[in-house]
């Protein structure tokens, strides 16, 4: 999905069914130059989420998991 604003910004949103971590997916894709900012990654489920202060969790369907740059 691509969203444009009146100021000319274009935000690309990648919607995934399942991923280990939206944050890890986005970080790796940016480092490998597969994606570029502004971008967001959203997933319906994630199996190894990364949070602040080293927190980790699993996320089941019905919740929203996202990372953006």
N, C-alpha and C. Protein backbone atom coordinates (compact mmCIF):
# COMPACT_ATOMS: atom_id res chain seq x y z
N UNK A 1 0.85 -1.16 0.00
CA UNK A 1 0.00 0.00 0.00
C UNK A 1 0.90 1.23 0.00
N UNK A 2 0.53 2.22 -0.77
CA UNK A 2 1.29 3.47 -0.83
C UNK A 2 0.36 4.62 -0.46
N UNK A 3 0.81 5.46 0.45
CA UNK A 3 0.03 6.61 0.88
C UNK A 3 0.80 7.88 0.54
N UNK A 4 0.15 8.81 -0.13
CA UNK A 4 0.76 10.10 -0.49
C UNK A 4 0.12 11.20 0.33
N UNK A 5 0.88 12.24 0.62
CA UNK A 5 0.35 13.39 1.35
C UNK A 5 0.43 14.63 0.47
N UNK A 6 -0.24 15.66 0.89
CA UNK A 6 -0.26 16.92 0.15
C UNK A 6 1.13 17.54 0.08
N UNK A 7 2.00 17.22 1.04
CA UNK A 7 3.35 17.78 1.06
C UNK A 7 4.32 16.97 0.20
N UNK A 8 3.81 15.94 -0.48
CA UNK A 8 4.66 15.17 -1.38
C UNK A 8 5.32 13.96 -0.77
N UNK A 9 5.11 13.71 0.51
CA UNK A 9 5.67 12.51 1.14
C UNK A 9 4.93 11.28 0.64
N UNK A 10 5.64 10.22 0.45
CA UNK A 10 5.05 8.95 0.06
C UNK A 10 5.48 7.91 1.07
N UNK A 11 4.54 7.30 1.76
CA UNK A 11 4.82 6.26 2.75
C UNK A 11 4.38 4.92 2.16
N UNK A 12 5.31 3.99 2.07
CA UNK A 12 4.99 2.65 1.59
C UNK A 12 4.75 1.76 2.80
N UNK A 13 3.65 1.02 2.79
CA UNK A 13 3.32 0.12 3.88
C UNK A 13 3.33 -1.31 3.35
N UNK A 14 4.13 -2.16 3.99
CA UNK A 14 4.17 -3.58 3.65
C UNK A 14 3.38 -4.34 4.70
N UNK A 15 2.34 -5.03 4.26
CA UNK A 15 1.47 -5.78 5.16
C UNK A 15 1.80 -7.26 5.03
N UNK A 16 2.26 -7.87 6.12
CA UNK A 16 2.67 -9.26 6.13
C UNK A 16 1.70 -10.09 6.96
N UNK A 17 1.48 -11.30 6.54
CA UNK A 17 0.62 -12.21 7.30
C UNK A 17 1.32 -12.63 8.59
N UNK A 18 2.59 -13.00 8.48
CA UNK A 18 3.34 -13.47 9.63
C UNK A 18 4.82 -13.14 9.45
N UNK A 19 5.49 -12.81 10.54
CA UNK A 19 6.91 -12.47 10.51
C UNK A 19 7.49 -12.75 11.89
N UNK A 20 8.78 -12.97 11.96
CA UNK A 20 9.38 -13.17 13.29
C UNK A 20 9.32 -11.87 14.09
N UNK A 21 9.74 -10.75 13.47
CA UNK A 21 9.71 -9.46 14.14
C UNK A 21 9.61 -8.36 13.08
N UNK A 22 8.64 -7.48 13.20
CA UNK A 22 8.53 -6.37 12.24
C UNK A 22 9.76 -5.48 12.32
N UNK A 23 10.26 -5.27 13.53
CA UNK A 23 11.43 -4.42 13.72
C UNK A 23 12.65 -5.05 13.04
N UNK A 24 12.87 -6.33 13.24
CA UNK A 24 14.01 -7.01 12.62
C UNK A 24 13.88 -7.04 11.10
N UNK A 25 12.67 -7.32 10.62
CA UNK A 25 12.42 -7.36 9.17
C UNK A 25 12.76 -6.01 8.54
N UNK A 26 12.27 -4.94 9.15
CA UNK A 26 12.50 -3.59 8.62
C UNK A 26 13.97 -3.22 8.69
N UNK A 27 14.62 -3.47 9.82
CA UNK A 27 16.03 -3.15 9.98
C UNK A 27 16.88 -3.86 8.93
N UNK A 28 16.66 -5.15 8.74
CA UNK A 28 17.43 -5.91 7.74
C UNK A 28 17.17 -5.40 6.32
N UNK A 29 15.91 -5.12 6.00
CA UNK A 29 15.57 -4.64 4.65
C UNK A 29 16.18 -3.26 4.38
N UNK A 30 16.23 -2.39 5.38
CA UNK A 30 16.86 -1.08 5.22
C UNK A 30 18.38 -1.23 5.04
N UNK A 31 19.00 -2.07 5.87
CA UNK A 31 20.45 -2.27 5.76
C UNK A 31 20.84 -2.88 4.42
N UNK A 32 20.01 -3.77 3.88
CA UNK A 32 20.28 -4.42 2.60
C UNK A 32 19.80 -3.58 1.41
N UNK A 33 19.28 -2.39 1.71
CA UNK A 33 18.77 -1.45 0.69
C UNK A 33 17.62 -2.05 -0.14
N UNK A 34 16.87 -2.96 0.48
CA UNK A 34 15.67 -3.52 -0.17
C UNK A 34 14.48 -2.57 0.01
N UNK A 35 14.50 -1.78 1.08
CA UNK A 35 13.47 -0.78 1.37
C UNK A 35 14.17 0.53 1.70
N UNK A 36 13.42 1.63 1.56
CA UNK A 36 13.96 2.93 1.97
C UNK A 36 12.85 3.73 2.64
N UNK A 37 13.27 4.59 3.55
CA UNK A 37 12.33 5.41 4.30
C UNK A 37 11.74 6.49 3.39
N UNK A 38 10.51 6.91 3.66
CA UNK A 38 9.62 6.47 4.72
C UNK A 38 8.89 5.17 4.37
N UNK A 39 8.88 4.26 5.31
CA UNK A 39 8.29 2.95 5.10
C UNK A 39 7.79 2.39 6.42
N UNK A 40 6.78 1.55 6.34
CA UNK A 40 6.26 0.85 7.52
C UNK A 40 6.05 -0.61 7.18
N UNK A 41 6.26 -1.46 8.17
CA UNK A 41 6.01 -2.90 8.04
C UNK A 41 4.99 -3.26 9.10
N UNK A 42 3.91 -3.91 8.65
CA UNK A 42 2.82 -4.31 9.54
C UNK A 42 2.62 -5.80 9.40
N UNK A 43 2.34 -6.49 10.50
CA UNK A 43 2.11 -7.93 10.46
C UNK A 43 0.89 -8.30 11.29
N UNK A 44 0.18 -9.34 10.84
CA UNK A 44 -0.96 -9.85 11.59
C UNK A 44 -0.50 -10.70 12.77
N UNK A 45 0.65 -11.38 12.62
CA UNK A 45 1.21 -12.20 13.69
C UNK A 45 2.73 -12.03 13.66
N UNK A 46 3.34 -12.14 14.85
CA UNK A 46 4.80 -12.20 14.89
C UNK A 46 5.22 -13.18 15.98
N UNK A 47 6.29 -13.91 15.70
CA UNK A 47 6.69 -15.01 16.58
C UNK A 47 7.81 -14.66 17.54
N UNK A 48 8.52 -13.57 17.28
CA UNK A 48 9.65 -13.22 18.13
C UNK A 48 9.81 -11.70 18.16
N UNK A 49 8.80 -11.03 18.66
CA UNK A 49 8.81 -9.57 18.69
C UNK A 49 9.92 -9.02 19.56
N UNK A 50 10.43 -7.85 19.18
CA UNK A 50 11.47 -7.17 19.94
C UNK A 50 10.92 -5.86 20.47
N UNK A 51 11.09 -5.64 21.74
CA UNK A 51 10.61 -4.40 22.32
C UNK A 51 11.74 -3.60 22.93
N UNK A 52 11.38 -2.55 23.59
CA UNK A 52 12.39 -1.73 24.26
C UNK A 52 12.96 -2.47 25.47
N UNK A 53 14.13 -2.08 25.86
CA UNK A 53 14.82 -2.66 27.03
C UNK A 53 14.96 -4.18 26.94
N UNK A 54 15.08 -4.71 25.71
CA UNK A 54 15.33 -6.13 25.54
C UNK A 54 14.13 -7.04 25.71
N UNK A 55 12.93 -6.48 25.79
CA UNK A 55 11.72 -7.30 25.94
C UNK A 55 11.42 -8.05 24.65
N UNK A 56 10.91 -9.28 24.77
CA UNK A 56 10.53 -10.11 23.63
C UNK A 56 9.14 -10.68 23.89
N UNK A 57 8.40 -10.95 22.80
CA UNK A 57 7.08 -11.55 22.95
C UNK A 57 6.64 -12.21 21.66
N UNK A 58 5.60 -13.02 21.79
CA UNK A 58 4.94 -13.61 20.62
C UNK A 58 3.61 -12.89 20.47
N UNK A 59 3.21 -12.65 19.24
CA UNK A 59 1.97 -11.94 18.99
C UNK A 59 1.04 -12.77 18.14
N UNK A 60 -0.18 -12.93 18.61
CA UNK A 60 -1.16 -13.73 17.88
C UNK A 60 -2.03 -12.84 17.02
N UNK A 61 -2.72 -13.46 16.08
CA UNK A 61 -3.61 -12.75 15.19
C UNK A 61 -4.68 -12.00 16.00
N UNK A 62 -5.03 -10.83 15.52
CA UNK A 62 -6.00 -9.99 16.21
C UNK A 62 -5.36 -8.77 16.84
N UNK A 63 -4.04 -8.74 16.87
CA UNK A 63 -3.29 -7.59 17.36
C UNK A 63 -2.59 -6.93 16.18
N UNK A 64 -2.08 -5.75 16.38
CA UNK A 64 -1.36 -5.03 15.33
C UNK A 64 0.10 -4.91 15.73
N UNK A 65 0.99 -5.33 14.82
CA UNK A 65 2.42 -5.26 15.05
C UNK A 65 3.00 -4.44 13.91
N UNK A 66 3.78 -3.41 14.26
CA UNK A 66 4.28 -2.52 13.21
C UNK A 66 5.62 -1.92 13.59
N UNK A 67 6.39 -1.58 12.57
CA UNK A 67 7.65 -0.86 12.73
C UNK A 67 7.72 0.13 11.57
N UNK A 68 8.31 1.29 11.81
CA UNK A 68 8.39 2.29 10.74
C UNK A 68 9.74 3.00 10.78
N UNK A 69 10.09 3.54 9.62
CA UNK A 69 11.33 4.31 9.51
C UNK A 69 11.10 5.45 8.54
